Protein backbone atom coordinates (compact mmCIF):
# COMPACT_ATOMS: atom_id res chain seq x y z
CA MET A 1 -158.88 -31.37 40.06
CA LYS A 2 -157.86 -27.78 40.86
CA PRO A 3 -158.47 -28.12 44.61
CA LEU A 4 -156.36 -31.27 44.64
CA ARG A 5 -153.41 -29.50 42.97
CA ALA A 6 -153.66 -26.60 45.43
CA SER A 7 -153.71 -28.98 48.36
CA SER A 8 -150.61 -30.77 47.04
CA ALA A 9 -148.77 -27.48 46.63
CA ARG A 10 -149.56 -26.46 50.20
CA ALA A 11 -148.35 -29.88 51.49
CA GLN A 12 -145.09 -29.53 49.63
CA GLY A 13 -144.57 -26.02 50.96
CA ALA A 14 -145.13 -27.20 54.56
CA GLY A 15 -141.93 -29.37 54.61
CA LEU A 16 -138.44 -28.31 55.91
CA THR A 17 -135.92 -27.04 53.44
CA LEU A 18 -132.29 -28.21 53.58
CA VAL A 19 -131.18 -24.86 55.00
CA GLU A 20 -133.77 -25.02 57.78
CA LEU A 21 -132.73 -28.59 58.63
CA VAL A 22 -129.06 -27.59 58.87
CA LEU A 23 -129.92 -24.60 61.10
CA ALA A 24 -132.05 -26.73 63.39
CA THR A 25 -129.32 -29.35 63.68
CA GLY A 26 -126.75 -26.64 64.45
CA LEU A 27 -128.93 -25.08 67.14
CA LEU A 28 -129.55 -28.49 68.69
CA THR A 29 -125.79 -29.19 68.68
CA VAL A 30 -125.02 -25.87 70.36
CA LEU A 31 -127.71 -26.54 72.97
CA MET A 32 -126.36 -30.02 73.68
CA ILE A 33 -122.79 -28.69 74.00
CA ALA A 34 -123.98 -26.03 76.45
CA VAL A 35 -125.87 -28.61 78.53
CA PHE A 36 -122.93 -31.03 78.64
CA SER A 37 -120.50 -28.20 79.45
CA LEU A 38 -122.71 -27.12 82.34
CA LEU A 39 -122.98 -30.71 83.56
CA ASP A 40 -119.22 -31.27 83.26
CA GLY A 41 -118.50 -28.04 85.14
CA SER A 42 -120.89 -29.01 87.90
CA LEU A 43 -119.30 -32.46 88.20
CA ASP A 44 -115.83 -30.89 88.27
CA LEU A 45 -116.87 -28.55 91.09
CA TRP A 46 -118.36 -31.51 92.95
CA ARG A 47 -115.16 -33.56 92.49
CA ARG A 48 -113.03 -30.69 93.77
CA ALA A 49 -115.28 -30.14 96.77
CA GLU A 50 -115.25 -33.87 97.52
CA THR A 51 -111.45 -33.95 97.24
CA ARG A 52 -111.12 -31.00 99.63
CA ARG A 53 -113.55 -32.66 102.04
CA ASN A 54 -111.66 -35.96 102.00
CA LEU A 55 -108.33 -34.23 102.49
CA SER A 56 -109.71 -32.10 105.31
CA GLU A 57 -111.08 -35.19 107.04
CA HIS A 58 -107.77 -37.02 106.57
CA ALA A 59 -105.69 -34.13 107.88
CA GLY A 60 -108.26 -33.33 110.55
CA GLY A 61 -107.93 -36.79 112.10
CA LEU A 62 -104.16 -36.43 112.37
CA VAL A 63 -104.43 -32.92 113.80
CA GLU A 64 -107.01 -34.01 116.36
CA LEU A 65 -104.80 -36.86 117.58
CA LEU A 66 -101.84 -34.50 117.91
CA ALA A 67 -104.02 -31.88 119.61
CA THR A 68 -105.26 -34.47 122.12
CA ASP A 69 -101.66 -35.17 123.15
CA LEU A 70 -100.94 -31.46 123.58
CA ARG A 71 -104.06 -30.39 125.44
CA SER A 72 -103.12 -32.08 128.72
CA LEU A 73 -99.38 -31.65 129.06
CA GLU A 74 -98.05 -32.78 132.43
CA PRO A 75 -97.23 -29.60 134.44
CA GLY A 76 -95.53 -31.42 137.35
CA GLU A 77 -91.87 -32.17 137.90
CA GLN A 78 -92.15 -35.31 135.75
CA GLY A 79 -93.43 -33.32 132.79
CA ASP A 80 -91.41 -32.52 129.68
CA VAL A 81 -91.81 -31.11 126.16
CA LEU A 82 -89.11 -31.33 123.52
CA ALA A 83 -89.84 -30.07 120.00
CA GLU A 84 -86.98 -29.93 117.51
CA TRP A 85 -86.30 -29.93 113.77
CA VAL A 86 -84.05 -32.33 111.90
CA ARG A 87 -82.89 -32.55 108.29
CA PHE A 88 -82.96 -35.58 106.00
CA ASP A 89 -81.28 -36.47 102.74
CA ALA A 90 -84.43 -37.65 100.97
CA ASP A 91 -82.96 -37.89 97.45
CA GLY A 92 -79.65 -39.58 98.33
CA ASP A 93 -77.40 -36.85 96.93
CA GLY A 94 -75.47 -36.46 100.18
CA LEU A 95 -77.16 -33.17 101.11
CA ALA A 96 -79.79 -32.97 103.85
CA GLU A 97 -82.34 -30.73 102.13
CA THR A 98 -85.64 -31.71 103.78
CA GLY A 99 -86.61 -30.60 107.29
CA TRP A 100 -89.21 -32.25 109.53
CA PRO A 101 -90.12 -31.79 113.21
CA ARG A 102 -90.00 -34.20 116.13
CA LEU A 103 -92.15 -33.83 119.20
CA ARG A 104 -91.67 -35.63 122.49
CA LEU A 105 -93.85 -34.87 125.50
CA VAL A 106 -95.30 -36.12 128.77
CA ARG A 107 -99.03 -35.75 129.21
CA GLN A 108 -101.70 -36.70 131.70
CA ALA A 109 -103.58 -39.89 130.83
CA ALA A 110 -107.06 -41.09 131.77
CA ALA A 111 -107.54 -44.42 133.50
CA ALA A 112 -108.89 -45.98 130.28
CA GLU A 113 -105.72 -45.07 128.38
CA VAL A 114 -103.50 -46.50 131.10
CA ALA A 115 -105.60 -49.67 131.25
CA ARG A 116 -105.29 -50.15 127.50
CA LEU A 117 -101.51 -49.83 127.58
CA THR A 118 -101.14 -52.19 130.52
CA ALA A 119 -103.76 -54.76 129.44
CA ALA A 120 -101.10 -57.34 128.55
CA GLU A 121 -99.30 -57.05 131.89
CA GLU A 122 -99.82 -59.36 134.87
CA GLU A 123 -101.18 -56.50 136.96
CA PRO A 124 -102.87 -54.01 134.61
CA SER A 125 -103.44 -50.57 136.04
CA THR A 126 -106.86 -48.96 136.34
CA LEU A 127 -105.62 -45.63 137.69
CA PRO A 128 -104.92 -42.43 135.78
CA GLY A 129 -101.27 -41.62 135.20
CA SER A 130 -98.85 -39.99 132.79
CA LEU A 131 -97.81 -41.01 129.30
CA GLU A 132 -94.71 -40.40 127.27
CA VAL A 133 -95.66 -39.61 123.67
CA CYS A 134 -93.36 -39.32 120.66
CA TRP A 135 -94.21 -37.93 117.24
CA ALA A 136 -91.76 -38.26 114.34
CA PHE A 137 -92.23 -37.22 110.73
CA LEU A 138 -89.93 -39.21 108.46
CA PRO A 139 -89.42 -39.03 104.67
CA ALA A 140 -91.61 -41.44 102.74
CA GLY A 141 -88.92 -42.43 100.23
CA GLY A 142 -89.90 -44.24 97.06
CA SER A 143 -90.12 -42.54 93.68
CA ALA A 144 -88.61 -39.14 92.93
CA ASP A 145 -92.07 -37.56 92.93
CA ALA A 146 -92.79 -38.85 96.46
CA ARG A 147 -89.57 -37.69 98.10
CA ALA A 148 -91.09 -34.39 99.20
CA GLU A 149 -93.60 -36.25 101.38
CA ALA A 150 -93.33 -37.73 104.86
CA ILE A 151 -95.07 -40.30 107.04
CA ALA A 152 -96.28 -39.47 110.54
CA TRP A 153 -95.17 -41.93 113.25
CA ARG A 154 -96.40 -41.98 116.86
CA GLY A 155 -95.68 -43.95 120.01
CA ALA A 156 -97.11 -43.83 123.54
CA ARG A 157 -96.02 -45.57 126.73
CA LEU A 158 -96.31 -45.15 130.47
CA ALA A 159 -93.98 -42.53 131.90
CA LEU A 160 -91.32 -43.72 134.36
CA ASP A 161 -91.36 -47.22 132.84
CA ASP A 162 -87.94 -48.55 133.81
CA THR A 163 -88.28 -51.60 131.58
CA ARG A 164 -88.03 -49.58 128.34
CA ARG A 165 -85.85 -46.79 127.05
CA THR A 166 -87.44 -43.38 127.39
CA PHE A 167 -88.42 -41.44 124.28
CA PHE A 168 -86.26 -38.59 125.58
CA ASP A 169 -83.08 -40.68 125.48
CA PRO A 170 -80.53 -38.85 123.27
CA GLY A 171 -79.92 -42.12 121.42
CA PHE A 172 -83.57 -42.94 120.78
CA PHE A 173 -83.19 -41.68 117.21
CA ASP A 174 -80.26 -42.97 115.16
CA ALA A 175 -77.75 -40.17 114.61
CA ALA A 176 -77.13 -41.11 110.97
CA SER A 177 -80.59 -41.98 109.67
CA GLY A 178 -82.68 -39.95 112.09
CA GLU A 179 -85.00 -42.93 112.57
CA PRO A 180 -85.94 -44.87 115.74
CA ASP A 181 -85.48 -48.60 116.18
CA ALA A 182 -87.99 -50.76 114.34
CA GLY A 183 -91.21 -51.30 116.26
CA GLU A 184 -90.77 -48.33 118.60
CA LEU A 185 -93.34 -46.15 116.79
CA GLU A 186 -96.39 -46.87 114.66
CA ASP A 187 -97.26 -45.13 111.40
CA VAL A 188 -100.31 -42.89 111.53
CA THR A 189 -100.64 -41.53 108.01
CA GLY A 190 -98.63 -40.60 104.93
CA GLY A 191 -98.83 -37.99 102.21
CA LEU A 192 -97.57 -35.18 104.43
CA LEU A 193 -95.99 -32.23 102.63
CA TRP A 194 -95.66 -29.94 105.63
CA VAL A 195 -96.00 -30.10 109.41
CA GLY A 196 -95.61 -26.76 111.15
CA LEU A 197 -95.53 -26.41 114.94
CA SER A 198 -95.50 -22.97 116.58
CA PHE A 199 -95.38 -22.39 120.33
CA ALA A 200 -96.63 -19.33 122.22
CA THR A 201 -94.14 -18.33 124.92
CA GLN A 202 -94.92 -16.28 128.02
CA THR A 203 -94.47 -13.08 126.00
CA SER A 204 -95.92 -14.11 122.61
CA ILE A 205 -98.81 -12.12 121.17
CA VAL A 206 -100.70 -14.28 118.69
CA HIS A 207 -104.32 -13.07 118.71
CA ASP A 208 -103.64 -11.06 115.52
CA GLY A 209 -101.68 -13.87 113.85
CA TRP A 210 -98.73 -16.14 114.50
CA GLU A 211 -95.29 -14.94 113.51
CA LEU A 212 -91.99 -16.70 114.11
CA GLY A 213 -89.00 -14.50 114.95
CA ASP A 214 -86.56 -13.22 117.54
CA ARG A 215 -88.74 -10.56 119.18
CA LEU A 216 -90.54 -10.96 122.50
CA GLU A 217 -93.98 -10.93 120.86
CA HIS A 218 -93.05 -13.64 118.36
CA ALA A 219 -93.80 -17.36 118.69
CA ALA A 220 -91.15 -20.09 118.92
CA SER A 221 -90.58 -22.87 116.39
CA SER A 222 -88.96 -25.26 118.90
CA TRP A 223 -89.38 -26.00 122.60
CA ASP A 224 -87.23 -27.26 125.46
CA ALA A 225 -89.28 -27.44 128.66
CA TRP A 226 -86.17 -27.65 130.88
CA ASN A 227 -83.92 -25.21 128.97
CA ARG A 228 -81.22 -27.83 128.52
CA GLY A 229 -80.25 -26.76 125.01
CA ARG A 230 -81.48 -30.04 123.53
CA PRO A 231 -82.61 -28.78 120.08
CA ASP A 232 -79.41 -28.47 118.03
CA THR A 233 -79.33 -24.98 116.52
CA SER A 234 -76.67 -26.05 114.00
CA VAL A 235 -79.01 -28.62 112.43
CA HIS A 236 -81.94 -26.39 111.54
CA PRO A 237 -82.72 -22.65 111.93
CA TYR A 238 -86.07 -23.49 113.53
CA ASN A 239 -84.21 -24.96 116.54
CA GLU A 240 -83.37 -21.48 117.87
CA PRO A 241 -85.00 -21.07 121.32
CA GLY A 242 -87.82 -18.61 121.80
CA THR A 243 -86.96 -15.09 122.92
CA GLY A 244 -87.58 -14.08 126.51
CA MET A 245 -87.97 -17.58 127.93
CA PRO A 246 -87.92 -17.44 131.76
CA GLU A 247 -85.68 -19.62 133.90
CA VAL A 248 -86.88 -23.09 134.77
CA ARG A 249 -87.11 -24.08 138.44
CA GLU A 250 -88.92 -27.12 139.87
CA ARG A 251 -91.46 -27.46 137.08
CA PRO A 252 -91.14 -27.65 133.29
CA LEU A 253 -91.88 -24.59 131.22
CA LEU A 254 -94.91 -25.30 129.04
CA PRO A 255 -96.09 -23.37 125.98
CA ARG A 256 -99.24 -21.35 126.49
CA ARG A 257 -100.70 -22.37 123.17
CA VAL A 258 -99.59 -24.45 120.17
CA ARG A 259 -100.45 -23.88 116.52
CA ILE A 260 -100.52 -27.01 114.33
CA GLU A 261 -100.39 -26.68 110.55
CA ILE A 262 -100.69 -29.78 108.37
CA GLU A 263 -100.48 -29.91 104.57
CA LEU A 264 -101.41 -33.13 102.75
CA GLU A 265 -100.94 -34.32 99.18
CA ARG A 266 -102.38 -37.68 98.16
CA GLU A 267 -100.88 -39.97 95.53
CA THR A 268 -103.79 -39.21 93.21
CA ASP A 269 -103.14 -35.48 93.64
CA ARG A 270 -99.60 -35.88 92.31
CA LYS A 271 -101.02 -36.97 88.96
CA ALA A 272 -102.53 -33.49 88.58
CA ARG A 273 -99.40 -31.51 89.43
CA THR A 274 -97.36 -29.43 87.01
CA ARG A 275 -93.58 -29.56 86.40
CA LEU A 276 -90.70 -27.22 85.68
CA THR A 277 -89.91 -26.72 82.00
CA GLU A 278 -86.47 -25.16 82.54
CA HIS A 279 -83.53 -25.13 84.94
CA LEU A 280 -84.13 -23.10 88.10
CA ALA A 281 -81.01 -21.58 89.67
CA ALA A 282 -80.76 -20.90 93.39
CA SER A 283 -80.89 -17.15 92.74
CA ASP A 284 -83.93 -17.15 90.40
CA SER A 285 -87.23 -15.73 91.60
CA THR A 286 -89.38 -16.98 88.69
CA PHE A 287 -89.74 -20.27 86.87
CA SER A 288 -91.76 -21.71 83.98
CA VAL A 289 -94.19 -24.65 84.24
CA ASP A 290 -96.00 -26.75 81.67
CA ASP A 291 -99.47 -26.02 83.11
CA PRO A 292 -99.87 -22.78 85.11
CA THR A 293 -103.51 -23.58 85.92
CA ARG A 294 -102.19 -26.21 88.33
CA VAL A 295 -100.27 -23.73 90.50
CA PRO A 296 -101.98 -22.63 93.74
CA ARG A 297 -102.87 -18.99 94.17
CA GLY A 298 -103.71 -16.88 97.17
CA GLU A 299 -102.14 -14.98 100.02
CA ASP A 300 -100.76 -18.13 101.68
CA ALA A 301 -100.02 -20.24 98.60
CA PHE A 302 -96.87 -22.35 99.00
CA VAL A 303 -95.22 -24.85 96.66
CA ASN A 304 -92.49 -27.40 97.29
CA LEU A 305 -89.77 -28.35 94.80
CA ASP A 306 -87.38 -31.11 95.87
CA GLY A 307 -87.63 -30.13 99.54
CA GLU A 308 -87.43 -26.36 99.07
CA TRP A 309 -90.51 -24.36 100.04
CA MET A 310 -91.47 -21.25 98.08
CA ARG A 311 -94.26 -18.72 98.53
CA VAL A 312 -96.18 -18.00 95.31
CA THR A 313 -96.38 -14.24 94.72
CA GLY A 314 -97.87 -14.24 91.23
CA VAL A 315 -98.58 -16.18 88.02
CA SER A 316 -98.30 -14.60 84.57
CA GLY A 317 -98.76 -16.91 81.62
CA SER A 318 -96.58 -19.94 82.18
CA ARG A 319 -94.22 -18.10 84.57
CA VAL A 320 -94.57 -18.30 88.35
CA SER A 321 -93.08 -15.67 90.66
CA VAL A 322 -91.99 -16.94 94.07
CA ARG A 323 -90.19 -16.01 97.26
CA ARG A 324 -87.48 -18.65 97.77
CA GLY A 325 -86.32 -20.53 100.87
CA GLN A 326 -89.52 -20.48 102.93
CA ARG A 327 -90.49 -22.60 105.95
CA GLY A 328 -86.89 -23.04 107.08
CA SER A 329 -85.64 -24.37 103.74
CA GLU A 330 -82.70 -23.14 101.65
CA PRO A 331 -82.75 -22.02 97.98
CA VAL A 332 -81.14 -24.72 95.83
CA PRO A 333 -81.04 -25.42 92.05
CA HIS A 334 -83.81 -27.50 90.48
CA GLU A 335 -83.74 -29.39 87.20
CA PRO A 336 -86.39 -29.38 84.43
CA GLY A 337 -89.12 -31.93 85.10
CA SER A 338 -89.16 -31.34 88.87
CA MET A 339 -92.68 -31.66 90.23
CA VAL A 340 -94.37 -28.63 91.82
CA HIS A 341 -95.94 -30.04 94.98
CA TRP A 342 -98.69 -28.44 97.06
CA GLY A 343 -101.53 -29.75 99.18
CA ALA A 344 -104.61 -29.11 101.30
CA ARG A 345 -103.94 -27.33 104.58
CA VAL A 346 -105.52 -27.74 108.01
CA VAL A 347 -104.67 -25.39 110.89
CA ARG A 348 -105.57 -25.86 114.55
CA GLU A 349 -104.70 -23.83 117.66
CA VAL A 350 -104.47 -25.81 120.87
CA PRO A 351 -104.70 -24.02 124.25
CA ILE A 352 -102.71 -25.79 126.95
CA THR A 353 -104.85 -26.81 129.93
CA LEU A 354 -102.55 -25.13 132.46
CA TYR A 355 -103.03 -21.77 130.72
CA ARG A 356 -106.70 -21.83 129.80
CA GLU A 357 -107.20 -18.54 131.65
CA ASP A 358 -104.87 -16.89 129.10
CA TRP A 359 -106.76 -17.77 125.93
CA ASN A 360 -106.72 -14.17 124.62
CA LEU A 361 -102.97 -14.06 123.97
């Protein structure tokens, strides 16, 4: 009987006490939380990388199409390049606060492109020629949160086509709305927050970085291949002609290189944007937001509030320090609840075929 009682005592002592069970459960809980946190962090990084990849592909397609039009500008007497900036009243308050570029050009076209454009004609052409191309970036409209965005529109037609009005006609865009007639251009993509075009003149030095300004080494923000004063300098400050532009003779003056900068913000991205929590006066250099983790950071971090661009210079707590009136915009007041827009950026430099020997500008 004694061995049996000793065996029973040992069996009872081998079980888990309540304290040990609680500790084991706690350790298991901590371990599971750590594993799920690691998994959630990894999935979040994957989602962000996938979002950046999708945005880069989206913007990259638009940039490549625009770069294709610029690479082979027509250098002959029929050539032309007109790049100008216009303002739009996107919010209907009577003030034109949003600026977007227009680009009209003549470029060389392969036989396949000409054949595609003339396929519906009685005598389609199978010879290479020249195309007129027009790019316009027009406000998207819609909800208040989408007013900062634009849609890219493009049209292409044979140059010297007497049956249709040329893209370079002063009346091609309506003076009041800034839009072309319906059906003249086709939409390419939406969700554009920013489209920047910079042009290297004959004196620009851009191998260490592009800078817009009024010095000989600076790049130009507009272009008039025939120096006819077509960009209206009273409409937008970016319409000022480049410094040191030579006189035009029998041939158009083409840029040596063009820098394209596209910034995109998808509809789903707007759901993850932060908003102002207080009134922002035109003279203020800081503002407060409801979620500072959703403000971009970095040397070239820009945000857009109701059409005004600002460069982010720092974030401290819920306050954001900015430099106002960037990218040709003007400092204006903003009301609480205004969305802080920003997007993914794609930059491309396009050397013009005529000047390929001058790549090291």
